[in-house]
Amino acid sequence: MSKTSLSLRNLESRVGEEVGVSPWVEMPQERIDLFAKATEDFQWIHVDPERAKHSPFGGAVAHGYLTLSMLPKLAESTFEFSDRKMGVNYGLNKVRFTAPVPAGSRIRGRFTLAKYEKLEGGVQVTWNVTVEREDGDKPVCVAESIGRHYF
């Protein structure tokens, strides 16, 4: 799957549209363990697959914040902005973890442009992001992600 090339200056007309869907991204146990190490969040439901087999999830699951932290990866693998010099994450609104991400599963993001605001030297965009799990029956995360992009 190739990236969608977008012009930030011309993006305003797409408010309300799903603008892109990312490729699938693997969520292996190794990634979960590395996230646990980086954040010092070693709760057994994430890092002890044997014990987690007896949990309501039937196995280890990714941290919700790991799933959330994948948004930049999902976005960057979906879009390239032809007129951007620099972009930064500005914040998040209304984040919910609506289903587990089992170790070994794959996720992807769906990006709908919710808001477009002009800034001095750039724009601020708000995306409604839905993160799906392959073969899942409902989203694993929904969030409003805000980015600032400069020309």
C-alpha atoms as a PDB file:
ATOM      1  CA  MET A   1       0.000   0.000   0.000  1.00  0.00           C
ATOM      2  CA  SER A   2       1.430   3.372  -0.964  1.00  0.00           C
ATOM      3  CA  LYS A   3       1.142   6.626   0.931  1.00  0.00           C
ATOM      4  CA  THR A   4      -1.444   9.197  -0.054  1.00  0.00           C
ATOM      5  CA  SER A   5       0.244  12.416  -1.169  1.00  0.00           C
ATOM      6  CA  LEU A   6      -1.579  15.467   0.168  1.00  0.00           C
ATOM      7  CA  SER A   7      -1.161  19.211   0.058  1.00  0.00           C
ATOM      8  CA  LEU A   8      -1.848  20.752   3.449  1.00  0.00           C
ATOM      9  CA  ARG A   9      -2.876  23.987   1.738  1.00  0.00           C
ATOM     10  CA  ASN A  10      -5.631  22.119  -0.142  1.00  0.00           C
ATOM     11  CA  LEU A  11      -6.768  19.832   2.667  1.00  0.00           C
ATOM     12  CA  GLU A  12      -9.506  22.088   4.065  1.00  0.00           C
ATOM     13  CA  SER A  13     -12.035  20.955   1.437  1.00  0.00           C
ATOM     14  CA  ARG A  14     -11.801  17.396   2.801  1.00  0.00           C
ATOM     15  CA  VAL A  15     -13.145  18.100   6.301  1.00  0.00           C
ATOM     16  CA  GLY A  16     -15.628  15.329   7.110  1.00  0.00           C
ATOM     17  CA  GLU A  17     -14.015  12.820   4.716  1.00  0.00           C
ATOM     18  CA  GLU A  18     -12.072   9.657   5.437  1.00  0.00           C
ATOM     19  CA  VAL A  19      -8.783  10.719   3.877  1.00  0.00           C
ATOM     20  CA  GLY A  20      -6.714   7.594   4.382  1.00  0.00           C
ATOM     21  CA  VAL A  21      -6.368   4.088   5.781  1.00  0.00           C
ATOM     22  CA  SER A  22      -2.979   2.895   6.970  1.00  0.00           C
ATOM     23  CA  PRO A  23      -1.328  -0.401   6.150  1.00  0.00           C
ATOM     24  CA  TRP A  24      -1.599  -3.137   8.771  1.00  0.00           C
ATOM     25  CA  VAL A  25       1.035  -3.010  11.520  1.00  0.00           C
ATOM     26  CA  GLU A  26       2.122  -6.028  13.584  1.00  0.00           C
ATOM     27  CA  MET A  27       1.751  -5.912  17.379  1.00  0.00           C
ATOM     28  CA  PRO A  28       4.025  -8.784  18.457  1.00  0.00           C
ATOM     29  CA  GLN A  29       4.816  -9.671  22.056  1.00  0.00           C
ATOM     30  CA  GLU A  30       8.306  -8.245  21.561  1.00  0.00           C
ATOM     31  CA  ARG A  31       6.859  -4.766  20.847  1.00  0.00           C
ATOM     32  CA  ILE A  32       4.647  -5.058  23.936  1.00  0.00           C
ATOM     33  CA  ASP A  33       7.630  -6.078  26.073  1.00  0.00           C
ATOM     34  CA  LEU A  34       9.746  -3.197  24.753  1.00  0.00           C
ATOM     35  CA  PHE A  35       6.939  -0.743  25.533  1.00  0.00           C
ATOM     36  CA  ALA A  36       6.653  -2.188  29.050  1.00  0.00           C
ATOM     37  CA  LYS A  37      10.374  -1.713  29.530  1.00  0.00           C
ATOM     38  CA  ALA A  38      10.319   1.851  28.193  1.00  0.00           C
ATOM     39  CA  THR A  39       7.371   2.875  30.381  1.00  0.00           C
ATOM     40  CA  GLU A  40       8.074   0.576  33.352  1.00  0.00           C
ATOM     41  CA  ASP A  41       4.510  -0.735  33.095  1.00  0.00           C
ATOM     42  CA  PHE A  42       4.979  -4.457  33.657  1.00  0.00           C
ATOM     43  CA  GLN A  43       1.398  -5.466  34.447  1.00  0.00           C
ATOM     44  CA  TRP A  44       1.120  -9.206  33.859  1.00  0.00           C
ATOM     45  CA  ILE A  45      -1.756  -8.915  31.382  1.00  0.00           C
ATOM     46  CA  HIS A  46       0.796  -7.442  28.977  1.00  0.00           C
ATOM     47  CA  VAL A  47       4.089  -9.195  29.742  1.00  0.00           C
ATOM     48  CA  ASP A  48       3.215 -12.651  31.110  1.00  0.00           C
ATOM     49  CA  PRO A  49       1.610 -14.604  28.256  1.00  0.00           C
ATOM     50  CA  GLU A  50       1.257 -17.789  30.326  1.00  0.00           C
ATOM     51  CA  ARG A  51      -0.583 -16.077  33.181  1.00  0.00           C
ATOM     52  CA  ALA A  52      -2.584 -13.975  30.698  1.00  0.00           C
ATOM     53  CA  LYS A  53      -3.997 -17.163  29.135  1.00  0.00           C
ATOM     54  CA  HIS A  54      -6.213 -17.369  32.232  1.00  0.00           C
ATOM     55  CA  SER A  55      -7.429 -13.771  31.962  1.00  0.00           C
ATOM     56  CA  PRO A  56     -10.702 -12.705  30.351  1.00  0.00           C
ATOM     57  CA  PHE A  57      -8.689 -11.891  27.207  1.00  0.00           C
ATOM     58  CA  GLY A  58      -7.239 -15.398  26.844  1.00  0.00           C
ATOM     59  CA  GLY A  59      -3.704 -14.122  26.322  1.00  0.00           C
ATOM     60  CA  ALA A  60      -1.394 -11.156  26.562  1.00  0.00           C
ATOM     61  CA  VAL A  61      -2.666  -7.860  25.204  1.00  0.00           C
ATOM     62  CA  ALA A  62      -0.976  -4.618  24.209  1.00  0.00           C
ATOM     63  CA  HIS A  63      -1.056  -1.677  26.573  1.00  0.00           C
ATOM     64  CA  GLY A  64      -3.740   0.808  25.579  1.00  0.00           C
ATOM     65  CA  TYR A  65      -1.084   3.509  25.564  1.00  0.00           C
ATOM     66  CA  LEU A  66       1.042   1.414  23.222  1.00  0.00           C
ATOM     67  CA  THR A  67      -1.861   1.297  20.784  1.00  0.00           C
ATOM     68  CA  LEU A  68      -2.263   5.065  21.161  1.00  0.00           C
ATOM     69  CA  SER A  69       1.469   5.635  20.679  1.00  0.00           C
ATOM     70  CA  MET A  70       1.220   3.898  17.305  1.00  0.00           C
ATOM     71  CA  LEU A  71      -0.845   6.787  15.858  1.00  0.00           C
ATOM     72  CA  PRO A  72       2.203   8.642  14.480  1.00  0.00           C
ATOM     73  CA  LYS A  73       3.452   5.447  12.817  1.00  0.00           C
ATOM     74  CA  LEU A  74       0.023   4.768  11.364  1.00  0.00           C
ATOM     75  CA  ALA A  75      -0.318   8.354  10.104  1.00  0.00           C
ATOM     76  CA  GLU A  76       3.193   8.558   8.664  1.00  0.00           C
ATOM     77  CA  SER A  77       2.674   5.303   6.780  1.00  0.00           C
ATOM     78  CA  THR A  78      -0.600   6.661   5.354  1.00  0.00           C
ATOM     79  CA  PHE A  79       0.132  10.255   4.319  1.00  0.00           C
ATOM     80  CA  GLU A  80       2.920  12.344   2.948  1.00  0.00           C
ATOM     81  CA  PHE A  81       2.451  16.092   2.805  1.00  0.00           C
ATOM     82  CA  SER A  82       4.017  17.632  -0.286  1.00  0.00           C
ATOM     83  CA  ASP A  83       4.150  21.153   1.179  1.00  0.00           C
ATOM     84  CA  ARG A  84       5.189  20.418   4.785  1.00  0.00           C
ATOM     85  CA  LYS A  85       8.558  21.330   6.247  1.00  0.00           C
ATOM     86  CA  MET A  86       7.791  20.072   9.743  1.00  0.00           C
ATOM     87  CA  GLY A  87       4.967  18.529  11.728  1.00  0.00           C
ATOM     88  CA  VAL A  88       4.403  18.047  15.455  1.00  0.00           C
ATOM     89  CA  ASN A  89       1.856  16.260  17.604  1.00  0.00           C
ATOM     90  CA  TYR A  90      -0.180  18.889  19.434  1.00  0.00           C
ATOM     91  CA  GLY A  91      -2.496  16.725  21.520  1.00  0.00           C
ATOM     92  CA  LEU A  92      -5.389  14.337  21.772  1.00  0.00           C
ATOM     93  CA  ASN A  93      -9.075  14.540  22.644  1.00  0.00           C
ATOM     94  CA  LYS A  94     -11.652  11.905  23.543  1.00  0.00           C
ATOM     95  CA  VAL A  95      -9.357   8.874  23.639  1.00  0.00           C
ATOM     96  CA  ARG A  96     -11.018   5.528  24.315  1.00  0.00           C
ATOM     97  CA  PHE A  97      -9.648   1.978  24.274  1.00  0.00           C
ATOM     98  CA  THR A  98     -12.712   0.098  23.096  1.00  0.00           C
ATOM     99  CA  ALA A  99     -11.325  -3.427  22.640  1.00  0.00           C
ATOM    100  CA  PRO A 100      -8.113  -5.330  23.421  1.00  0.00           C
ATOM    101  CA  VAL A 101      -5.199  -5.789  21.030  1.00  0.00           C
ATOM    102  CA  PRO A 102      -3.981  -9.374  21.508  1.00  0.00           C
ATOM    103  CA  ALA A 103      -0.252  -9.964  21.193  1.00  0.00           C
ATOM    104  CA  GLY A 104       0.509 -11.054  17.639  1.00  0.00           C
ATOM    105  CA  SER A 105      -2.428  -9.256  16.056  1.00  0.00           C
ATOM    106  CA  ARG A 106      -2.325  -6.492  13.462  1.00  0.00           C
ATOM    107  CA  ILE A 107      -3.813  -3.013  13.637  1.00  0.00           C
ATOM    108  CA  ARG A 108      -4.450  -0.194  11.196  1.00  0.00           C
ATOM    109  CA  GLY A 109      -5.758   3.357  11.405  1.00  0.00           C
ATOM    110  CA  ARG A 110      -8.602   5.066   9.578  1.00  0.00           C
ATOM    111  CA  PHE A 111      -8.195   8.839   9.374  1.00  0.00           C
ATOM    112  CA  THR A 112     -11.149  11.192   8.924  1.00  0.00           C
ATOM    113  CA  LEU A 113     -10.373  14.899   8.809  1.00  0.00           C
ATOM    114  CA  ALA A 114     -12.499  16.529  11.515  1.00  0.00           C
ATOM    115  CA  LYS A 115     -11.146  20.066  11.633  1.00  0.00           C
ATOM    116  CA  TYR A 116      -8.780  22.340   9.713  1.00  0.00           C
ATOM    117  CA  GLU A 117      -7.463  25.575  11.197  1.00  0.00           C
ATOM    118  CA  LYS A 118      -4.973  27.996   9.698  1.00  0.00           C
ATOM    119  CA  LEU A 119      -1.961  28.990  11.805  1.00  0.00           C
ATOM    120  CA  GLU A 120       0.789  31.472  11.165  1.00  0.00           C
ATOM    121  CA  GLY A 121       3.088  29.569   8.849  1.00  0.00           C
ATOM    122  CA  GLY A 122       0.997  26.410   8.791  1.00  0.00           C
ATOM    123  CA  VAL A 123      -2.166  24.585   9.767  1.00  0.00           C
ATOM    124  CA  GLN A 124      -3.601  22.649  12.663  1.00  0.00           C
ATOM    125  CA  VAL A 125      -5.567  19.548  11.717  1.00  0.00           C
ATOM    126  CA  THR A 126      -7.730  17.347  13.893  1.00  0.00           C
ATOM    127  CA  TRP A 127      -8.227  13.768  12.786  1.00  0.00           C
ATOM    128  CA  ASN A 128     -10.881  11.373  14.003  1.00  0.00           C
ATOM    129  CA  VAL A 129      -8.827   8.207  14.150  1.00  0.00           C
ATOM    130  CA  THR A 130     -10.295   4.749  14.425  1.00  0.00           C
ATOM    131  CA  VAL A 131      -7.767   1.988  15.092  1.00  0.00           C
ATOM    132  CA  GLU A 132      -8.976  -1.430  13.977  1.00  0.00           C
ATOM    133  CA  ARG A 133      -7.679  -4.902  14.728  1.00  0.00           C
ATOM    134  CA  GLU A 134      -7.560  -7.316  11.838  1.00  0.00           C
ATOM    135  CA  ASP A 135     -10.514  -9.720  12.145  1.00  0.00           C
ATOM    136  CA  GLY A 136     -11.830  -7.686  15.098  1.00  0.00           C
ATOM    137  CA  ASP A 137     -15.514  -6.942  15.431  1.00  0.00           C
ATOM    138  CA  LYS A 138     -15.085  -3.423  16.779  1.00  0.00           C
ATOM    139  CA  PRO A 139     -12.412  -0.716  16.960  1.00  0.00           C
ATOM    140  CA  VAL A 140      -9.604  -1.080  19.502  1.00  0.00           C
ATOM    141  CA  CYS A 141      -9.073   2.661  19.943  1.00  0.00           C
ATOM    142  CA  VAL A 142     -10.881   5.824  18.917  1.00  0.00           C
ATOM    143  CA  ALA A 143      -9.333   9.243  19.356  1.00  0.00           C
ATOM    144  CA  GLU A 144      -9.156  12.780  18.098  1.00  0.00           C
ATOM    145  CA  SER A 145      -5.539  13.450  17.181  1.00  0.00           C
ATOM    146  CA  ILE A 146      -4.352  17.016  16.666  1.00  0.00           C
ATOM    147  CA  GLY A 147      -1.290  17.889  14.636  1.00  0.00           C
ATOM    148  CA  ARG A 148       0.388  21.102  13.667  1.00  0.00           C
ATOM    149  CA  HIS A 149       2.108  21.281  10.316  1.00  0.00           C
ATOM    150  CA  TYR A 150       4.327  24.062   9.064  1.00  0.00           C
ATOM    151  CA  PHE A 151       5.160  25.159   5.508  1.00  0.00           C
END
